[in-house]
Amino acid sequence: MATLNIKDPRVHELATELARRRGTTATAVVRDALEKEAAQQPKPIDRDRLRALQDKVLKMDLVWLSDDDIYDEDGLPK
């Protein structure tokens, strides 16, 4: 079993108080808070996967258009 030692008295107080209000444990309160925070954080970028996708796209026979190819002299679509 892993152990987490909370040394900040205020954090301990908050977790204990919230646990009392919810009728649960301080462990459950901390777990819920950490899971909620983790869910809101962006996932790390898989740079190897992104590079492979980039390489795949660059190898495609694509026609790259410039602004001049798409818009006329007044900036309107051709």
PDB file of N, CA and C in Angstrom:
ATOM      1  N   MET A   1       0.845  -1.175   0.000  1.00  0.00           N
ATOM      2  CA  MET A   1       0.000   0.000   0.000  1.00  0.00           C
ATOM      3  C   MET A   1       0.889   1.238   0.000  1.00  0.00           C
ATOM      4  N   ALA A   2       0.579   2.196  -0.886  1.00  0.00           N
ATOM      5  CA  ALA A   2       1.345   3.436  -0.974  1.00  0.00           C
ATOM      6  C   ALA A   2       0.928   4.391   0.143  1.00  0.00           C
ATOM      7  N   THR A   3       1.832   5.281   0.480  1.00  0.00           N
ATOM      8  CA  THR A   3       1.569   6.251   1.536  1.00  0.00           C
ATOM      9  C   THR A   3       1.823   7.649   1.013  1.00  0.00           C
ATOM     10  N   LEU A   4       0.960   8.564   1.406  1.00  0.00           N
ATOM     11  CA  LEU A   4       1.126   9.975   1.069  1.00  0.00           C
ATOM     12  C   LEU A   4       1.123  10.732   2.389  1.00  0.00           C
ATOM     13  N   ASN A   5       2.194  11.434   2.666  1.00  0.00           N
ATOM     14  CA  ASN A   5       2.328  12.159   3.921  1.00  0.00           C
ATOM     15  C   ASN A   5       2.054  13.637   3.663  1.00  0.00           C
ATOM     16  N   ILE A   6       0.916  14.127   4.137  1.00  0.00           N
ATOM     17  CA  ILE A   6       0.544  15.533   3.982  1.00  0.00           C
ATOM     18  C   ILE A   6       1.130  16.310   5.154  1.00  0.00           C
ATOM     19  N   LYS A   7       2.049  17.196   4.863  1.00  0.00           N
ATOM     20  CA  LYS A   7       2.720  17.946   5.926  1.00  0.00           C
ATOM     21  C   LYS A   7       2.140  19.337   6.130  1.00  0.00           C
ATOM     22  N   ASP A   8       1.280  19.751   5.217  1.00  0.00           N
ATOM     23  CA  ASP A   8       0.675  21.070   5.320  1.00  0.00           C
ATOM     24  C   ASP A   8      -0.588  20.958   6.188  1.00  0.00           C
ATOM     25  N   PRO A   9      -0.590  21.595   7.362  1.00  0.00           N
ATOM     26  CA  PRO A   9      -1.749  21.482   8.257  1.00  0.00           C
ATOM     27  C   PRO A   9      -3.052  21.982   7.624  1.00  0.00           C
ATOM     28  N   ARG A  10      -2.970  22.992   6.794  1.00  0.00           N
ATOM     29  CA  ARG A  10      -4.175  23.533   6.161  1.00  0.00           C
ATOM     30  C   ARG A  10      -4.776  22.523   5.183  1.00  0.00           C
ATOM     31  N   VAL A  11      -3.933  21.842   4.429  1.00  0.00           N
ATOM     32  CA  VAL A  11      -4.414  20.816   3.492  1.00  0.00           C
ATOM     33  C   VAL A  11      -5.086  19.691   4.274  1.00  0.00           C
ATOM     34  N   HIS A  12      -4.463  19.273   5.340  1.00  0.00           N
ATOM     35  CA  HIS A  12      -5.041  18.220   6.185  1.00  0.00           C
ATOM     36  C   HIS A  12      -6.384  18.670   6.745  1.00  0.00           C
ATOM     37  N   GLU A  13      -6.456  19.894   7.217  1.00  0.00           N
ATOM     38  CA  GLU A  13      -7.692  20.444   7.773  1.00  0.00           C
ATOM     39  C   GLU A  13      -8.804  20.481   6.719  1.00  0.00           C
ATOM     40  N   LEU A  14      -8.475  20.963   5.521  1.00  0.00           N
ATOM     41  CA  LEU A  14      -9.467  21.037   4.449  1.00  0.00           C
ATOM     42  C   LEU A  14      -9.975  19.651   4.060  1.00  0.00           C
ATOM     43  N   ALA A  15      -9.064  18.708   3.905  1.00  0.00           N
ATOM     44  CA  ALA A  15      -9.457  17.353   3.513  1.00  0.00           C
ATOM     45  C   ALA A  15     -10.333  16.711   4.581  1.00  0.00           C
ATOM     46  N   THR A  16      -9.965  16.890   5.828  1.00  0.00           N
ATOM     47  CA  THR A  16     -10.737  16.322   6.933  1.00  0.00           C
ATOM     48  C   THR A  16     -12.128  16.950   7.012  1.00  0.00           C
ATOM     49  N   GLU A  17     -12.205  18.270   6.889  1.00  0.00           N
ATOM     50  CA  GLU A  17     -13.486  18.967   6.960  1.00  0.00           C
ATOM     51  C   GLU A  17     -14.394  18.566   5.805  1.00  0.00           C
ATOM     52  N   LEU A  18     -13.855  18.514   4.602  1.00  0.00           N
ATOM     53  CA  LEU A  18     -14.664  18.136   3.446  1.00  0.00           C
ATOM     54  C   LEU A  18     -15.122  16.678   3.563  1.00  0.00           C
ATOM     55  N   ALA A  19     -14.257  15.831   4.064  1.00  0.00           N
ATOM     56  CA  ALA A  19     -14.626  14.428   4.266  1.00  0.00           C
ATOM     57  C   ALA A  19     -15.779  14.321   5.273  1.00  0.00           C
ATOM     58  N   ARG A  20     -15.711  15.098   6.331  1.00  0.00           N
ATOM     59  CA  ARG A  20     -16.776  15.089   7.333  1.00  0.00           C
ATOM     60  C   ARG A  20     -18.097  15.529   6.719  1.00  0.00           C
ATOM     61  N   ARG A  21     -18.047  16.597   5.905  1.00  0.00           N
ATOM     62  CA  ARG A  21     -19.267  17.107   5.263  1.00  0.00           C
ATOM     63  C   ARG A  21     -19.853  16.096   4.287  1.00  0.00           C
ATOM     64  N   ARG A  22     -18.990  15.395   3.585  1.00  0.00           N
ATOM     65  CA  ARG A  22     -19.453  14.415   2.594  1.00  0.00           C
ATOM     66  C   ARG A  22     -19.794  13.066   3.204  1.00  0.00           C
ATOM     67  N   GLY A  23     -19.349  12.858   4.422  1.00  0.00           N
ATOM     68  CA  GLY A  23     -19.549  11.554   5.047  1.00  0.00           C
ATOM     69  C   GLY A  23     -18.659  10.497   4.444  1.00  0.00           C
ATOM     70  N   THR A  24     -17.440  10.895   4.130  1.00  0.00           N
ATOM     71  CA  THR A  24     -16.488   9.982   3.497  1.00  0.00           C
ATOM     72  C   THR A  24     -15.134  10.133   4.196  1.00  0.00           C
ATOM     73  N   THR A  25     -14.092   9.674   3.555  1.00  0.00           N
ATOM     74  CA  THR A  25     -12.762   9.755   4.150  1.00  0.00           C
ATOM     75  C   THR A  25     -11.942  10.868   3.496  1.00  0.00           C
ATOM     76  N   ALA A  26     -10.903  11.286   4.214  1.00  0.00           N
ATOM     77  CA  ALA A  26      -9.991  12.282   3.650  1.00  0.00           C
ATOM     78  C   ALA A  26      -9.300  11.712   2.410  1.00  0.00           C
ATOM     79  N   THR A  27      -9.029  10.434   2.419  1.00  0.00           N
ATOM     80  CA  THR A  27      -8.419   9.783   1.253  1.00  0.00           C
ATOM     81  C   THR A  27      -9.320   9.911   0.031  1.00  0.00           C
ATOM     82  N   ALA A  28     -10.612   9.684   0.219  1.00  0.00           N
ATOM     83  CA  ALA A  28     -11.563   9.801  -0.899  1.00  0.00           C
ATOM     84  C   ALA A  28     -11.636  11.233  -1.403  1.00  0.00           C
ATOM     85  N   VAL A  29     -11.587  12.188  -0.491  1.00  0.00           N
ATOM     86  CA  VAL A  29     -11.628  13.605  -0.876  1.00  0.00           C
ATOM     87  C   VAL A  29     -10.396  13.957  -1.704  1.00  0.00           C
ATOM     88  N   VAL A  30      -9.225  13.538  -1.250  1.00  0.00           N
ATOM     89  CA  VAL A  30      -7.986  13.828  -1.977  1.00  0.00           C
ATOM     90  C   VAL A  30      -7.996  13.119  -3.329  1.00  0.00           C
ATOM     91  N   ARG A  31      -8.419  11.853  -3.360  1.00  0.00           N
ATOM     92  CA  ARG A  31      -8.487  11.105  -4.629  1.00  0.00           C
ATOM     93  C   ARG A  31      -9.416  11.799  -5.614  1.00  0.00           C
ATOM     94  N   ASP A  32     -10.607  12.195  -5.150  1.00  0.00           N
ATOM     95  CA  ASP A  32     -11.570  12.862  -6.027  1.00  0.00           C
ATOM     96  C   ASP A  32     -10.998  14.166  -6.586  1.00  0.00           C
ATOM     97  N   ALA A  33     -10.350  14.938  -5.722  1.00  0.00           N
ATOM     98  CA  ALA A  33      -9.767  16.213  -6.163  1.00  0.00           C
ATOM     99  C   ALA A  33      -8.663  15.985  -7.185  1.00  0.00           C
ATOM    100  N   LEU A  34      -7.817  14.991  -6.947  1.00  0.00           N
ATOM    101  CA  LEU A  34      -6.720  14.700  -7.876  1.00  0.00           C
ATOM    102  C   LEU A  34      -7.245  14.164  -9.207  1.00  0.00           C
ATOM    103  N   GLU A  35      -8.256  13.299  -9.156  1.00  0.00           N
ATOM    104  CA  GLU A  35      -8.836  12.772 -10.400  1.00  0.00           C
ATOM    105  C   GLU A  35      -9.490  13.883 -11.215  1.00  0.00           C
ATOM    106  N   LYS A  36     -10.178  14.789 -10.531  1.00  0.00           N
ATOM    107  CA  LYS A  36     -10.818  15.909 -11.222  1.00  0.00           C
ATOM    108  C   LYS A  36      -9.759  16.806 -11.865  1.00  0.00           C
ATOM    109  N   GLU A  37      -8.712  17.109 -11.145  1.00  0.00           N
ATOM    110  CA  GLU A  37      -7.637  17.962 -11.684  1.00  0.00           C
ATOM    111  C   GLU A  37      -6.935  17.277 -12.850  1.00  0.00           C
ATOM    112  N   ALA A  38      -6.658  15.988 -12.709  1.00  0.00           N
ATOM    113  CA  ALA A  38      -5.974  15.242 -13.775  1.00  0.00           C
ATOM    114  C   ALA A  38      -6.816  15.210 -15.043  1.00  0.00           C
ATOM    115  N   ALA A  39      -8.133  15.093 -14.901  1.00  0.00           N
ATOM    116  CA  ALA A  39      -9.020  15.052 -16.061  1.00  0.00           C
ATOM    117  C   ALA A  39      -9.043  16.378 -16.805  1.00  0.00           C
ATOM    118  N   GLN A  40      -8.773  17.465 -16.111  1.00  0.00           N
ATOM    119  CA  GLN A  40      -8.808  18.787 -16.732  1.00  0.00           C
ATOM    120  C   GLN A  40      -7.486  19.164 -17.401  1.00  0.00           C
ATOM    121  N   GLN A  41      -6.440  18.419 -17.118  1.00  0.00           N
ATOM    122  CA  GLN A  41      -5.138  18.724 -17.700  1.00  0.00           C
ATOM    123  C   GLN A  41      -5.047  18.159 -19.113  1.00  0.00           C
ATOM    124  N   PRO A  42      -4.425  18.911 -20.029  1.00  0.00           N
ATOM    125  CA  PRO A  42      -4.279  18.382 -21.390  1.00  0.00           C
ATOM    126  C   PRO A  42      -3.352  17.167 -21.408  1.00  0.00           C
ATOM    127  N   LYS A  43      -3.663  16.259 -22.287  1.00  0.00           N
ATOM    128  CA  LYS A  43      -2.823  15.070 -22.435  1.00  0.00           C
ATOM    129  C   LYS A  43      -1.493  15.474 -23.083  1.00  0.00           C
ATOM    130  N   PRO A  44      -0.398  14.845 -22.689  1.00  0.00           N
ATOM    131  CA  PRO A  44       0.885  15.172 -23.317  1.00  0.00           C
ATOM    132  C   PRO A  44       0.882  14.793 -24.799  1.00  0.00           C
ATOM    133  N   ILE A  45       1.618  15.531 -25.588  1.00  0.00           N
ATOM    134  CA  ILE A  45       1.704  15.286 -27.027  1.00  0.00           C
ATOM    135  C   ILE A  45       2.630  14.104 -27.288  1.00  0.00           C
ATOM    136  N   ASP A  46       2.156  13.161 -28.074  1.00  0.00           N
ATOM    137  CA  ASP A  46       2.980  12.033 -28.496  1.00  0.00           C
ATOM    138  C   ASP A  46       3.767  12.503 -29.716  1.00  0.00           C
ATOM    139  N   ARG A  47       4.947  13.030 -29.473  1.00  0.00           N
ATOM    140  CA  ARG A  47       5.738  13.651 -30.536  1.00  0.00           C
ATOM    141  C   ARG A  47       6.151  12.655 -31.626  1.00  0.00           C
ATOM    142  N   ASP A  48       6.408  11.425 -31.259  1.00  0.00           N
ATOM    143  CA  ASP A  48       6.771  10.419 -32.268  1.00  0.00           C
ATOM    144  C   ASP A  48       5.600  10.156 -33.208  1.00  0.00           C
ATOM    145  N   ARG A  49       4.404  10.053 -32.645  1.00  0.00           N
ATOM    146  CA  ARG A  49       3.211   9.830 -33.475  1.00  0.00           C
ATOM    147  C   ARG A  49       2.937  11.036 -34.357  1.00  0.00           C
ATOM    148  N   LEU A  50       3.111  12.221 -33.801  1.00  0.00           N
ATOM    149  CA  LEU A  50       2.904  13.442 -34.571  1.00  0.00           C
ATOM    150  C   LEU A  50       3.912  13.543 -35.713  1.00  0.00           C
ATOM    151  N   ARG A  51       5.166  13.213 -35.453  1.00  0.00           N
ATOM    152  CA  ARG A  51       6.208  13.249 -36.484  1.00  0.00           C
ATOM    153  C   ARG A  51       5.895  12.246 -37.585  1.00  0.00           C
ATOM    154  N   ALA A  52       5.429  11.053 -37.224  1.00  0.00           N
ATOM    155  CA  ALA A  52       5.081  10.034 -38.225  1.00  0.00           C
ATOM    156  C   ALA A  52       3.930  10.522 -39.104  1.00  0.00           C
ATOM    157  N   LEU A  53       2.948  11.160 -38.501  1.00  0.00           N
ATOM    158  CA  LEU A  53       1.831  11.703 -39.273  1.00  0.00           C
ATOM    159  C   LEU A  53       2.308  12.817 -40.196  1.00  0.00           C
ATOM    160  N   GLN A  54       3.164  13.667 -39.682  1.00  0.00           N
ATOM    161  CA  GLN A  54       3.708  14.762 -40.496  1.00  0.00           C
ATOM    162  C   GLN A  54       4.485  14.197 -41.693  1.00  0.00           C
ATOM    163  N   ASP A  55       5.304  13.207 -41.448  1.00  0.00           N
ATOM    164  CA  ASP A  55       6.076  12.589 -42.536  1.00  0.00           C
ATOM    165  C   ASP A  55       5.145  11.966 -43.583  1.00  0.00           C
ATOM    166  N   LYS A  56       4.073  11.331 -43.121  1.00  0.00           N
ATOM    167  CA  LYS A  56       3.111  10.710 -44.028  1.00  0.00           C
ATOM    168  C   LYS A  56       2.449  11.758 -44.916  1.00  0.00           C
ATOM    169  N   VAL A  57       2.042  12.864 -44.332  1.00  0.00           N
ATOM    170  CA  VAL A  57       1.384  13.934 -45.096  1.00  0.00           C
ATOM    171  C   VAL A  57       2.362  14.553 -46.097  1.00  0.00           C
ATOM    172  N   LEU A  58       3.597  14.767 -45.679  1.00  0.00           N
ATOM    173  CA  LEU A  58       4.579  15.379 -46.577  1.00  0.00           C
ATOM    174  C   LEU A  58       4.900  14.494 -47.777  1.00  0.00           C
ATOM    175  N   LYS A  59       4.721  13.190 -47.625  1.00  0.00           N
ATOM    176  CA  LYS A  59       4.982  12.257 -48.732  1.00  0.00           C
ATOM    177  C   LYS A  59       3.811  12.170 -49.709  1.00  0.00           C
ATOM    178  N   MET A  60       2.667  12.705 -49.326  1.00  0.00           N
ATOM    179  CA  MET A  60       1.492  12.660 -50.204  1.00  0.00           C
ATOM    180  C   MET A  60       1.682  13.612 -51.373  1.00  0.00           C
ATOM    181  N   ASP A  61       1.074  13.258 -52.485  1.00  0.00           N
ATOM    182  CA  ASP A  61       1.150  14.093 -53.679  1.00  0.00           C
ATOM    183  C   ASP A  61       0.039  15.142 -53.596  1.00  0.00           C
ATOM    184  N   LEU A  62       0.283  16.178 -52.821  1.00  0.00           N
ATOM    185  CA  LEU A  62      -0.718  17.210 -52.591  1.00  0.00           C
ATOM    186  C   LEU A  62      -0.412  18.456 -53.414  1.00  0.00           C
ATOM    187  N   VAL A  63      -1.451  19.182 -53.744  1.00  0.00           N
ATOM    188  CA  VAL A  63      -1.283  20.459 -54.432  1.00  0.00           C
ATOM    189  C   VAL A  63      -1.402  21.549 -53.374  1.00  0.00           C
ATOM    190  N   TRP A  64      -0.322  22.278 -53.189  1.00  0.00           N
ATOM    191  CA  TRP A  64      -0.322  23.353 -52.196  1.00  0.00           C
ATOM    192  C   TRP A  64      -0.664  24.657 -52.909  1.00  0.00           C
ATOM    193  N   LEU A  65      -1.726  25.303 -52.458  1.00  0.00           N
ATOM    194  CA  LEU A  65      -2.180  26.541 -53.076  1.00  0.00           C
ATOM    195  C   LEU A  65      -1.766  27.742 -52.235  1.00  0.00           C
ATOM    196  N   SER A  66      -1.382  28.797 -52.926  1.00  0.00           N
ATOM    197  CA  SER A  66      -1.058  30.041 -52.227  1.00  0.00           C
ATOM    198  C   SER A  66      -2.313  30.911 -52.150  1.00  0.00           C
ATOM    199  N   ASP A  67      -2.230  32.003 -51.435  1.00  0.00           N
ATOM    200  CA  ASP A  67      -3.347  32.944 -51.367  1.00  0.00           C
ATOM    201  C   ASP A  67      -3.712  33.451 -52.756  1.00  0.00           C
ATOM    202  N   ASP A  68      -2.694  33.672 -53.598  1.00  0.00           N
ATOM    203  CA  ASP A  68      -2.945  34.158 -54.964  1.00  0.00           C
ATOM    204  C   ASP A  68      -3.722  33.140 -55.798  1.00  0.00           C
ATOM    205  N   ASP A  69      -3.548  31.865 -55.496  1.00  0.00           N
ATOM    206  CA  ASP A  69      -4.287  30.818 -56.212  1.00  0.00           C
ATOM    207  C   ASP A  69      -5.761  30.794 -55.811  1.00  0.00           C
ATOM    208  N   ILE A  70      -6.049  31.206 -54.592  1.00  0.00           N
ATOM    209  CA  ILE A  70      -7.402  31.092 -54.050  1.00  0.00           C
ATOM    210  C   ILE A  70      -8.195  32.395 -54.151  1.00  0.00           C
ATOM    211  N   TYR A  71      -7.513  33.539 -53.963  1.00  0.00           N
ATOM    212  CA  TYR A  71      -8.208  34.832 -53.906  1.00  0.00           C
ATOM    213  C   TYR A  71      -7.808  35.738 -55.068  1.00  0.00           C
ATOM    214  N   ASP A  72      -8.752  36.577 -55.500  1.00  0.00           N
ATOM    215  CA  ASP A  72      -8.442  37.523 -56.580  1.00  0.00           C
ATOM    216  C   ASP A  72      -7.774  38.768 -56.004  1.00  0.00           C
ATOM    217  N   GLU A  73      -7.552  39.762 -56.855  1.00  0.00           N
ATOM    218  CA  GLU A  73      -6.831  40.981 -56.439  1.00  0.00           C
ATOM    219  C   GLU A  73      -7.593  41.806 -55.398  1.00  0.00           C
ATOM    220  N   ASP A  74      -8.897  41.551 -55.252  1.00  0.00           N
ATOM    221  CA  ASP A  74      -9.707  42.251 -54.253  1.00  0.00           C
ATOM    222  C   ASP A  74      -9.850  41.450 -52.959  1.00  0.00           C
ATOM    223  N   GLY A  75      -9.183  40.297 -52.896  1.00  0.00           N
ATOM    224  CA  GLY A  75      -9.252  39.459 -51.697  1.00  0.00           C
ATOM    225  C   GLY A  75     -10.480  38.576 -51.636  1.00  0.00           C
ATOM    226  N   LEU A  76     -11.202  38.484 -52.737  1.00  0.00           N
ATOM    227  CA  LEU A  76     -12.400  37.649 -52.793  1.00  0.00           C
ATOM    228  C   LEU A  76     -12.044  36.287 -53.371  1.00  0.00           C
ATOM    229  N   PRO A  77     -12.753  35.255 -52.953  1.00  0.00           N
ATOM    230  CA  PRO A  77     -12.476  33.925 -53.518  1.00  0.00           C
ATOM    231  C   PRO A  77     -12.682  33.933 -55.029  1.00  0.00           C
ATOM    232  N   LYS A  78     -11.811  33.238 -55.719  1.00  0.00           N
ATOM    233  CA  LYS A  78     -11.919  33.155 -57.184  1.00  0.00           C
ATOM    234  C   LYS A  78     -13.066  32.256 -57.565  1.00  0.00           C
TER     235      LYS A  78
END
